[in-house]
Amino acid sequence: MKRIRKGDEVIVIAGRSKGTRGSVLETLKNDRLLVDNVNMVKKHVKVDPNNPEKPSGIISKEAPIQVSNVMLYNEETGKGDKVSFKFLENGKKIRVFRSNGETIDA
């Protein structure tokens, strides 16, 4: 089970986008994430003659960011927080915040 999943609210703790918050759009292999409006890069895209509706020119898009550079955002404390795991009585494994023990998964 991964500590950070698609749809989680995270805050960047290191790098060029330090301090910005966003939701995880996609988890990639090699412990990388795509986070909404974080680590934005400019990409030059040519006009595609087969698909003229596709955007061309200079576009901004999210670049992958290392999972070690983000922390799960805790709404209650207003800061990034570490994640640990706990087993329920029925044997289900859930994620909890380490600072206050609040469950992340419902």
N, C-alpha and C. Protein backbone atom coordinates (compact mmCIF):
# COMPACT_ATOMS: atom_id res chain seq x y z
N MET A 1 0.85 -1.18 0.00
CA MET A 1 0.00 0.00 0.00
C MET A 1 0.89 1.24 0.00
N LYS A 2 0.57 2.16 -0.88
CA LYS A 2 1.34 3.40 -0.99
C LYS A 2 0.89 4.41 0.04
N ARG A 3 1.83 5.24 0.49
CA ARG A 3 1.51 6.28 1.46
C ARG A 3 0.76 7.44 0.80
N ILE A 4 1.09 7.73 -0.46
CA ILE A 4 0.42 8.82 -1.19
C ILE A 4 -0.22 8.21 -2.42
N ARG A 5 -1.49 8.54 -2.63
CA ARG A 5 -2.27 7.97 -3.73
C ARG A 5 -2.85 9.08 -4.61
N LYS A 6 -3.41 8.65 -5.74
CA LYS A 6 -4.08 9.58 -6.65
C LYS A 6 -5.25 10.23 -5.93
N GLY A 7 -5.37 11.55 -6.08
CA GLY A 7 -6.47 12.29 -5.46
C GLY A 7 -6.13 12.88 -4.11
N ASP A 8 -5.00 12.52 -3.51
CA ASP A 8 -4.61 13.06 -2.20
C ASP A 8 -4.15 14.51 -2.34
N GLU A 9 -4.39 15.30 -1.30
CA GLU A 9 -3.92 16.68 -1.23
C GLU A 9 -2.51 16.65 -0.62
N VAL A 10 -1.51 17.19 -1.34
CA VAL A 10 -0.13 17.17 -0.86
C VAL A 10 0.42 18.59 -0.85
N ILE A 11 1.51 18.76 -0.10
CA ILE A 11 2.24 20.03 -0.07
C ILE A 11 3.70 19.72 -0.39
N VAL A 12 4.32 20.56 -1.21
CA VAL A 12 5.71 20.35 -1.63
C VAL A 12 6.63 20.88 -0.54
N ILE A 13 7.61 20.06 -0.12
CA ILE A 13 8.51 20.45 0.97
C ILE A 13 9.92 20.76 0.49
N ALA A 14 10.23 20.49 -0.79
CA ALA A 14 11.57 20.76 -1.30
C ALA A 14 11.50 21.04 -2.79
N GLY A 15 12.43 21.85 -3.27
CA GLY A 15 12.53 22.11 -4.70
C GLY A 15 11.99 23.47 -5.10
N ARG A 16 11.84 23.65 -6.38
CA ARG A 16 11.44 24.93 -6.95
C ARG A 16 10.03 25.33 -6.56
N SER A 17 9.16 24.37 -6.36
CA SER A 17 7.77 24.65 -6.03
C SER A 17 7.49 24.51 -4.54
N LYS A 18 8.47 24.70 -3.70
CA LYS A 18 8.32 24.50 -2.27
C LYS A 18 7.19 25.38 -1.70
N GLY A 19 6.33 24.76 -0.88
CA GLY A 19 5.25 25.48 -0.22
C GLY A 19 3.93 25.44 -0.97
N THR A 20 3.91 24.97 -2.21
CA THR A 20 2.67 24.94 -2.96
C THR A 20 1.90 23.65 -2.69
N ARG A 21 0.57 23.76 -2.73
CA ARG A 21 -0.30 22.61 -2.50
C ARG A 21 -1.00 22.23 -3.79
N GLY A 22 -1.31 20.96 -3.90
CA GLY A 22 -2.05 20.49 -5.06
C GLY A 22 -2.50 19.06 -4.85
N SER A 23 -3.38 18.60 -5.71
CA SER A 23 -3.84 17.22 -5.60
C SER A 23 -3.06 16.35 -6.58
N VAL A 24 -2.86 15.10 -6.21
CA VAL A 24 -2.09 14.16 -7.02
C VAL A 24 -2.95 13.75 -8.22
N LEU A 25 -2.44 14.01 -9.42
CA LEU A 25 -3.15 13.65 -10.64
C LEU A 25 -2.87 12.20 -11.02
N GLU A 26 -1.62 11.76 -10.80
CA GLU A 26 -1.23 10.43 -11.24
C GLU A 26 0.01 10.00 -10.47
N THR A 27 0.10 8.72 -10.15
CA THR A 27 1.31 8.17 -9.57
C THR A 27 2.03 7.40 -10.66
N LEU A 28 3.30 7.70 -10.84
CA LEU A 28 4.10 7.07 -11.88
C LEU A 28 5.06 6.07 -11.26
N LYS A 29 5.74 5.30 -12.11
CA LYS A 29 6.72 4.37 -11.58
C LYS A 29 7.95 5.13 -11.10
N ASN A 30 8.83 4.45 -10.41
CA ASN A 30 10.07 5.03 -9.84
C ASN A 30 9.78 6.11 -8.82
N ASP A 31 8.70 5.96 -8.03
CA ASP A 31 8.36 6.88 -6.94
C ASP A 31 8.24 8.33 -7.40
N ARG A 32 7.51 8.55 -8.47
CA ARG A 32 7.27 9.90 -8.96
C ARG A 32 5.78 10.16 -9.03
N LEU A 33 5.42 11.45 -8.92
CA LEU A 33 4.02 11.87 -8.91
C LEU A 33 3.82 13.00 -9.90
N LEU A 34 2.61 13.13 -10.41
CA LEU A 34 2.19 14.32 -11.14
C LEU A 34 1.20 15.03 -10.23
N VAL A 35 1.54 16.26 -9.84
CA VAL A 35 0.70 17.03 -8.92
C VAL A 35 0.18 18.25 -9.67
N ASP A 36 -1.10 18.57 -9.47
CA ASP A 36 -1.78 19.66 -10.15
C ASP A 36 -1.12 21.00 -9.83
N ASN A 37 -0.69 21.74 -10.87
CA ASN A 37 -0.05 23.06 -10.77
C ASN A 37 1.21 23.08 -9.92
N VAL A 38 1.97 21.99 -9.93
CA VAL A 38 3.25 21.92 -9.21
C VAL A 38 4.31 21.46 -10.19
N ASN A 39 5.51 22.06 -10.12
CA ASN A 39 6.64 21.71 -10.98
C ASN A 39 6.26 21.90 -12.46
N MET A 40 5.72 23.08 -12.76
CA MET A 40 5.29 23.39 -14.12
C MET A 40 6.49 23.66 -15.02
N VAL A 41 6.46 23.11 -16.24
CA VAL A 41 7.51 23.31 -17.23
C VAL A 41 6.85 23.77 -18.53
N LYS A 42 7.64 24.41 -19.38
CA LYS A 42 7.17 24.84 -20.69
C LYS A 42 7.62 23.80 -21.72
N LYS A 43 6.72 23.43 -22.61
CA LYS A 43 7.02 22.46 -23.65
C LYS A 43 6.64 23.04 -25.00
N HIS A 44 7.55 22.93 -25.97
CA HIS A 44 7.31 23.41 -27.32
C HIS A 44 6.68 22.27 -28.13
N VAL A 45 5.48 22.50 -28.65
CA VAL A 45 4.74 21.46 -29.36
C VAL A 45 4.50 21.92 -30.79
N LYS A 46 4.84 21.06 -31.74
CA LYS A 46 4.61 21.36 -33.15
C LYS A 46 3.14 21.18 -33.51
N VAL A 47 2.75 21.78 -34.61
CA VAL A 47 1.40 21.61 -35.14
C VAL A 47 1.32 20.21 -35.74
N ASP A 48 0.28 19.48 -35.38
CA ASP A 48 0.08 18.13 -35.90
C ASP A 48 -0.85 18.21 -37.11
N PRO A 49 -0.38 17.88 -38.33
CA PRO A 49 -1.24 18.00 -39.50
C PRO A 49 -2.42 17.03 -39.48
N ASN A 50 -2.29 15.92 -38.76
CA ASN A 50 -3.37 14.94 -38.70
C ASN A 50 -4.44 15.31 -37.67
N ASN A 51 -4.07 16.16 -36.70
CA ASN A 51 -5.00 16.55 -35.64
C ASN A 51 -4.87 18.06 -35.40
N PRO A 52 -5.54 18.89 -36.19
CA PRO A 52 -5.37 20.34 -36.05
C PRO A 52 -5.96 20.93 -34.78
N GLU A 53 -6.84 20.18 -34.08
CA GLU A 53 -7.44 20.70 -32.85
C GLU A 53 -6.51 20.57 -31.65
N LYS A 54 -5.46 19.77 -31.78
CA LYS A 54 -4.52 19.58 -30.69
C LYS A 54 -3.74 20.89 -30.47
N PRO A 55 -3.53 21.30 -29.20
CA PRO A 55 -2.83 22.56 -28.96
C PRO A 55 -1.39 22.51 -29.45
N SER A 56 -0.95 23.65 -29.99
CA SER A 56 0.42 23.75 -30.47
C SER A 56 1.03 25.03 -29.94
N GLY A 57 2.33 25.17 -30.10
CA GLY A 57 3.04 26.34 -29.59
C GLY A 57 3.72 26.00 -28.29
N ILE A 58 3.82 26.94 -27.38
CA ILE A 58 4.44 26.73 -26.07
C ILE A 58 3.34 26.49 -25.06
N ILE A 59 3.33 25.30 -24.49
CA ILE A 59 2.31 24.96 -23.49
C ILE A 59 2.98 24.70 -22.15
N SER A 60 2.25 24.94 -21.08
CA SER A 60 2.73 24.64 -19.74
C SER A 60 2.09 23.34 -19.28
N LYS A 61 2.90 22.48 -18.68
CA LYS A 61 2.38 21.21 -18.20
C LYS A 61 3.13 20.81 -16.94
N GLU A 62 2.55 19.87 -16.19
CA GLU A 62 3.17 19.40 -14.96
C GLU A 62 4.26 18.39 -15.29
N ALA A 63 5.40 18.53 -14.62
CA ALA A 63 6.48 17.56 -14.74
C ALA A 63 6.44 16.68 -13.49
N PRO A 64 6.92 15.44 -13.60
CA PRO A 64 6.91 14.56 -12.43
C PRO A 64 7.78 15.11 -11.31
N ILE A 65 7.38 14.84 -10.08
CA ILE A 65 8.13 15.26 -8.90
C ILE A 65 8.35 14.02 -8.03
N GLN A 66 9.50 13.98 -7.40
CA GLN A 66 9.85 12.84 -6.55
C GLN A 66 8.92 12.79 -5.33
N VAL A 67 8.50 11.58 -4.96
CA VAL A 67 7.56 11.42 -3.84
C VAL A 67 8.18 11.86 -2.52
N SER A 68 9.51 11.84 -2.42
CA SER A 68 10.17 12.27 -1.19
C SER A 68 10.13 13.78 -1.00
N ASN A 69 9.75 14.52 -2.04
CA ASN A 69 9.68 15.98 -1.96
C ASN A 69 8.29 16.50 -1.63
N VAL A 70 7.35 15.61 -1.33
CA VAL A 70 6.00 16.02 -0.96
C VAL A 70 5.58 15.32 0.33
N MET A 71 4.64 15.95 1.04
CA MET A 71 4.03 15.36 2.23
C MET A 71 2.53 15.48 2.09
N LEU A 72 1.83 14.54 2.68
CA LEU A 72 0.38 14.59 2.69
C LEU A 72 -0.06 15.78 3.53
N TYR A 73 -1.03 16.56 3.02
CA TYR A 73 -1.48 17.77 3.71
C TYR A 73 -2.57 17.41 4.71
N ASN A 74 -2.37 17.85 5.96
CA ASN A 74 -3.35 17.61 7.02
C ASN A 74 -4.19 18.88 7.20
N GLU A 75 -5.47 18.79 6.88
CA GLU A 75 -6.36 19.96 6.98
C GLU A 75 -6.48 20.46 8.42
N GLU A 76 -6.46 19.55 9.37
CA GLU A 76 -6.66 19.91 10.77
C GLU A 76 -5.52 20.76 11.31
N THR A 77 -4.27 20.39 10.97
CA THR A 77 -3.11 21.13 11.46
C THR A 77 -2.68 22.23 10.50
N GLY A 78 -3.05 22.10 9.22
CA GLY A 78 -2.66 23.10 8.23
C GLY A 78 -1.23 22.94 7.76
N LYS A 79 -0.64 21.76 7.96
CA LYS A 79 0.74 21.50 7.57
C LYS A 79 0.84 20.12 6.92
N GLY A 80 2.03 19.85 6.38
CA GLY A 80 2.31 18.52 5.86
C GLY A 80 2.51 17.57 7.02
N ASP A 81 2.18 16.31 6.83
CA ASP A 81 2.24 15.35 7.92
C ASP A 81 2.73 14.00 7.42
N LYS A 82 3.41 13.26 8.30
CA LYS A 82 3.85 11.91 7.98
C LYS A 82 2.66 10.96 8.05
N VAL A 83 2.80 9.84 7.36
CA VAL A 83 1.72 8.86 7.28
C VAL A 83 2.20 7.53 7.84
N SER A 84 1.35 6.89 8.63
CA SER A 84 1.64 5.53 9.09
C SER A 84 0.42 4.67 8.79
N PHE A 85 0.53 3.39 9.07
CA PHE A 85 -0.54 2.45 8.78
C PHE A 85 -1.06 1.83 10.06
N LYS A 86 -2.33 1.48 10.04
CA LYS A 86 -2.97 0.86 11.19
C LYS A 86 -3.93 -0.21 10.67
N PHE A 87 -4.05 -1.29 11.44
CA PHE A 87 -4.99 -2.35 11.07
C PHE A 87 -6.24 -2.23 11.94
N LEU A 88 -7.40 -2.32 11.31
CA LEU A 88 -8.66 -2.31 12.03
C LEU A 88 -8.96 -3.70 12.56
N GLU A 89 -10.03 -3.82 13.36
CA GLU A 89 -10.40 -5.12 13.95
C GLU A 89 -10.74 -6.15 12.88
N ASN A 90 -11.32 -5.69 11.77
CA ASN A 90 -11.69 -6.62 10.70
C ASN A 90 -10.51 -6.99 9.80
N GLY A 91 -9.30 -6.47 10.09
CA GLY A 91 -8.11 -6.80 9.33
C GLY A 91 -7.80 -5.85 8.19
N LYS A 92 -8.63 -4.81 8.02
CA LYS A 92 -8.40 -3.84 6.95
C LYS A 92 -7.27 -2.89 7.33
N LYS A 93 -6.40 -2.62 6.37
CA LYS A 93 -5.26 -1.73 6.59
C LYS A 93 -5.64 -0.32 6.14
N ILE A 94 -5.45 0.68 7.02
CA ILE A 94 -5.80 2.06 6.69
C ILE A 94 -4.59 2.97 6.94
N ARG A 95 -4.63 4.15 6.33
CA ARG A 95 -3.59 5.16 6.54
C ARG A 95 -4.05 6.13 7.62
N VAL A 96 -3.12 6.56 8.49
CA VAL A 96 -3.42 7.53 9.53
C VAL A 96 -2.29 8.56 9.59
N PHE A 97 -2.63 9.79 10.01
CA PHE A 97 -1.62 10.81 10.24
C PHE A 97 -0.88 10.49 11.53
N ARG A 98 0.43 10.68 11.54
CA ARG A 98 1.22 10.37 12.73
C ARG A 98 1.05 11.39 13.83
N SER A 99 0.78 12.65 13.48
CA SER A 99 0.71 13.69 14.51
C SER A 99 -0.52 13.56 15.41
N ASN A 100 -1.68 13.29 14.80
CA ASN A 100 -2.89 13.25 15.62
C ASN A 100 -3.66 11.93 15.51
N GLY A 101 -3.20 10.98 14.72
CA GLY A 101 -3.84 9.68 14.61
C GLY A 101 -5.14 9.68 13.82
N GLU A 102 -5.45 10.78 13.14
CA GLU A 102 -6.68 10.88 12.35
C GLU A 102 -6.56 9.98 11.11
N THR A 103 -7.64 9.29 10.79
CA THR A 103 -7.61 8.39 9.63
C THR A 103 -7.73 9.18 8.34
N ILE A 104 -7.03 8.72 7.33
CA ILE A 104 -7.06 9.35 6.00
C ILE A 104 -8.09 8.64 5.14
N ASP A 105 -8.09 7.32 5.17
CA ASP A 105 -9.04 6.52 4.41
C ASP A 105 -10.31 6.33 5.20
N ALA A 106 -11.43 6.43 4.54
CA ALA A 106 -12.71 6.25 5.22
C ALA A 106 -13.08 4.77 5.31
